[in-house]
Amino acid sequence: MKPNRNYVTPFISLIFLVVGISGLMMLFHWFDGYTEVVHEILGLFFIVCAIFHVILNWNALRTHFKKQVFLPALFGVLVISAVLVVSERMYPPVDLQIMDRIVKAPVRDALKALSIDYLLAEQRLKERGVDIGVAVHLEDLWLKTGEDPEAIIDLLLK
């Protein structure tokens, strides 16, 4: 099946617009939680459309590669990406710092911080076959049991 410009161009244009707007919304924390889902899923679809776009425009892109513009642009994007990754590692966002501290806190303290009753948490985990007694810290619930961390957190927060 050969990609058709009549379909690829409108899709990639609209998805670019939505991914760009959702990225800005994430940057300014507008509708947190909702924008991430849209951004991530449509970002994957954007990659698929971009692949079709490259296939459709390969000859024109080869011309750009020959103009010696591609390597400086690639270098610039890599440098900016590296700076962003390093700055994220050096100065992690507050929500990641809070989550990291909660999962490393003693179980009772972590549950208290999350407004979760210990006995209710114990009951929910037991129903899933997880013994809360093996955990000193909240993260022990998945490290010592092999359970999925997200599934454990979702179970506790439901």
Protein backbone atom coordinates (compact mmCIF):
# COMPACT_ATOMS: atom_id res chain seq x y z
CA MET A 1 0.00 0.00 0.00
CA LYS A 2 1.47 3.31 -1.11
CA PRO A 3 0.80 6.33 1.11
CA ASN A 4 -1.45 8.94 -0.50
CA ARG A 5 -0.71 12.68 -0.07
CA ASN A 6 -4.43 13.40 -0.02
CA TYR A 7 -4.66 11.56 3.30
CA VAL A 8 -1.20 11.95 4.83
CA THR A 9 -0.95 15.74 4.47
CA PRO A 10 -4.20 16.63 6.27
CA PHE A 11 -3.53 14.06 9.01
CA ILE A 12 0.04 15.16 9.67
CA SER A 13 -0.99 18.83 9.60
CA LEU A 14 -3.86 18.41 12.04
CA ILE A 15 -1.97 16.06 14.33
CA PHE A 16 1.00 18.46 14.33
CA LEU A 17 -1.37 21.23 15.40
CA VAL A 18 -2.98 19.17 18.19
CA VAL A 19 0.34 17.77 19.46
CA GLY A 20 1.82 21.29 19.44
CA ILE A 21 -1.13 22.81 21.28
CA SER A 22 -1.29 19.96 23.80
CA GLY A 23 2.47 20.39 24.37
CA LEU A 24 1.93 24.07 25.16
CA MET A 25 -0.96 23.17 27.44
CA MET A 26 1.30 20.71 29.28
CA LEU A 27 4.01 23.38 29.56
CA PHE A 28 1.57 25.79 31.22
CA HIS A 29 -0.22 23.01 33.18
CA TRP A 30 -3.62 23.66 31.61
CA PHE A 31 -5.98 20.69 32.03
CA ASP A 32 -3.22 18.55 33.55
CA GLY A 33 -3.91 14.86 33.20
CA TYR A 34 -6.07 15.20 30.12
CA THR A 35 -3.52 16.84 27.85
CA GLU A 36 -0.87 14.21 28.55
CA VAL A 37 -3.05 11.43 27.18
CA VAL A 38 -3.88 13.38 24.02
CA HIS A 39 -0.25 14.43 23.57
CA GLU A 40 1.21 10.95 24.05
CA ILE A 41 -1.26 8.98 21.94
CA LEU A 42 -1.42 11.48 19.09
CA GLY A 43 2.36 11.82 19.33
CA LEU A 44 2.62 8.13 18.43
CA PHE A 45 0.19 8.63 15.55
CA PHE A 46 2.24 11.68 14.49
CA ILE A 47 5.31 9.44 14.15
CA VAL A 48 3.39 7.09 11.85
CA CYS A 49 2.22 10.03 9.72
CA ALA A 50 5.75 11.48 9.69
CA ILE A 51 7.10 8.18 8.34
CA PHE A 52 4.54 8.29 5.53
CA HIS A 53 5.45 11.94 4.93
CA VAL A 54 9.14 11.04 4.61
CA ILE A 55 8.30 8.21 2.20
CA LEU A 56 6.20 10.54 0.06
CA ASN A 57 8.81 13.31 0.04
CA TRP A 58 12.02 11.29 0.01
CA ASN A 59 13.42 12.86 -3.18
CA ALA A 60 12.90 16.41 -1.90
CA LEU A 61 14.43 15.46 1.46
CA ARG A 62 17.52 14.02 -0.24
CA THR A 63 18.03 17.41 -1.88
CA HIS A 64 18.03 19.04 1.58
CA PHE A 65 20.55 16.50 2.86
CA LYS A 66 22.93 17.46 0.05
CA LYS A 67 22.74 21.19 0.90
CA GLN A 68 24.74 20.64 4.10
CA VAL A 69 21.89 22.12 6.14
CA PHE A 70 20.83 18.84 7.68
CA LEU A 71 23.89 18.21 9.88
CA PRO A 72 23.88 21.64 11.61
CA ALA A 73 20.12 21.31 12.18
CA LEU A 74 20.60 17.79 13.58
CA PHE A 75 23.42 19.01 15.82
CA GLY A 76 21.26 21.90 17.09
CA VAL A 77 18.34 19.62 17.91
CA LEU A 78 20.62 17.13 19.68
CA VAL A 79 22.27 19.88 21.76
CA ILE A 80 18.90 21.37 22.78
CA SER A 81 17.58 17.90 23.64
CA ALA A 82 20.67 17.10 25.71
CA VAL A 83 20.40 20.40 27.60
CA LEU A 84 16.74 19.70 28.40
CA VAL A 85 17.45 16.15 29.58
CA VAL A 86 20.39 17.24 31.75
CA SER A 87 18.41 20.11 33.28
CA GLU A 88 15.52 17.73 34.04
CA ARG A 89 17.94 15.39 35.83
CA MET A 90 19.59 18.24 37.76
CA TYR A 91 16.33 20.00 38.67
CA PRO A 92 13.51 17.46 38.60
CA PRO A 93 9.94 18.77 38.62
CA VAL A 94 8.24 19.06 41.99
CA ASP A 95 5.70 16.32 41.23
CA LEU A 96 8.48 13.82 40.53
CA GLN A 97 10.30 14.81 43.71
CA ILE A 98 7.14 14.38 45.76
CA MET A 99 6.36 11.01 44.19
CA ASP A 100 9.93 9.83 44.74
CA ARG A 101 9.78 10.79 48.40
CA ILE A 102 6.38 9.19 48.92
CA VAL A 103 7.43 5.83 47.47
CA LYS A 104 10.59 5.83 49.60
CA ALA A 105 8.72 6.78 52.80
CA PRO A 106 7.64 4.20 55.38
CA VAL A 107 4.38 2.54 54.32
CA ARG A 108 2.22 4.04 57.06
CA ASP A 109 3.58 7.56 56.46
CA ALA A 110 3.14 7.27 52.69
CA LEU A 111 -0.43 6.05 53.05
CA LYS A 112 -1.17 8.85 55.50
CA ALA A 113 0.26 11.43 53.04
CA LEU A 114 -1.99 9.98 50.34
CA SER A 115 -5.02 9.99 52.71
CA ILE A 116 -5.37 6.20 52.43
CA ASP A 117 -6.50 4.16 55.43
CA TYR A 118 -3.90 1.50 56.29
CA LEU A 119 -6.46 -1.24 56.96
CA LEU A 120 -8.28 -0.52 53.70
CA ALA A 121 -4.97 -0.59 51.81
CA GLU A 122 -4.04 -3.86 53.50
CA GLN A 123 -7.40 -5.38 52.52
CA ARG A 124 -7.17 -4.24 48.88
CA LEU A 125 -3.62 -5.50 48.54
CA LYS A 126 -4.48 -8.83 50.18
CA GLU A 127 -7.30 -9.32 47.64
CA ARG A 128 -4.65 -8.94 44.92
CA GLY A 129 -2.33 -11.36 46.69
CA VAL A 130 0.13 -8.72 47.93
CA ASP A 131 1.24 -8.81 51.56
CA ILE A 132 1.69 -5.29 52.92
CA GLY A 133 3.74 -6.78 55.77
CA VAL A 134 6.73 -7.37 53.47
CA ALA A 135 7.06 -3.67 52.78
CA VAL A 136 9.07 -1.25 54.87
CA HIS A 137 8.72 1.47 52.23
CA LEU A 138 5.87 1.91 49.78
CA GLU A 139 8.09 0.94 46.83
CA ASP A 140 8.80 -2.42 48.52
CA LEU A 141 5.24 -3.40 47.59
CA TRP A 142 6.35 -3.78 43.96
CA LEU A 143 10.07 -4.41 44.41
CA LYS A 144 9.62 -7.38 46.75
CA THR A 145 6.49 -8.79 45.12
CA GLY A 146 7.24 -8.23 41.43
CA GLU A 147 3.94 -6.39 41.00
CA ASP A 148 3.49 -3.48 38.59
CA PRO A 149 4.08 -0.17 40.48
CA GLU A 150 1.34 1.66 38.60
CA ALA A 151 -1.15 -1.13 39.29
CA ILE A 152 -0.33 -1.01 43.03
CA ILE A 153 -0.71 2.79 43.18
CA ASP A 154 -3.97 2.64 41.19
CA LEU A 155 -5.28 -0.07 43.51
CA LEU A 156 -4.44 2.00 46.58
CA LEU A 157 -5.94 5.22 45.19
CA LYS A 158 -9.22 3.75 43.92
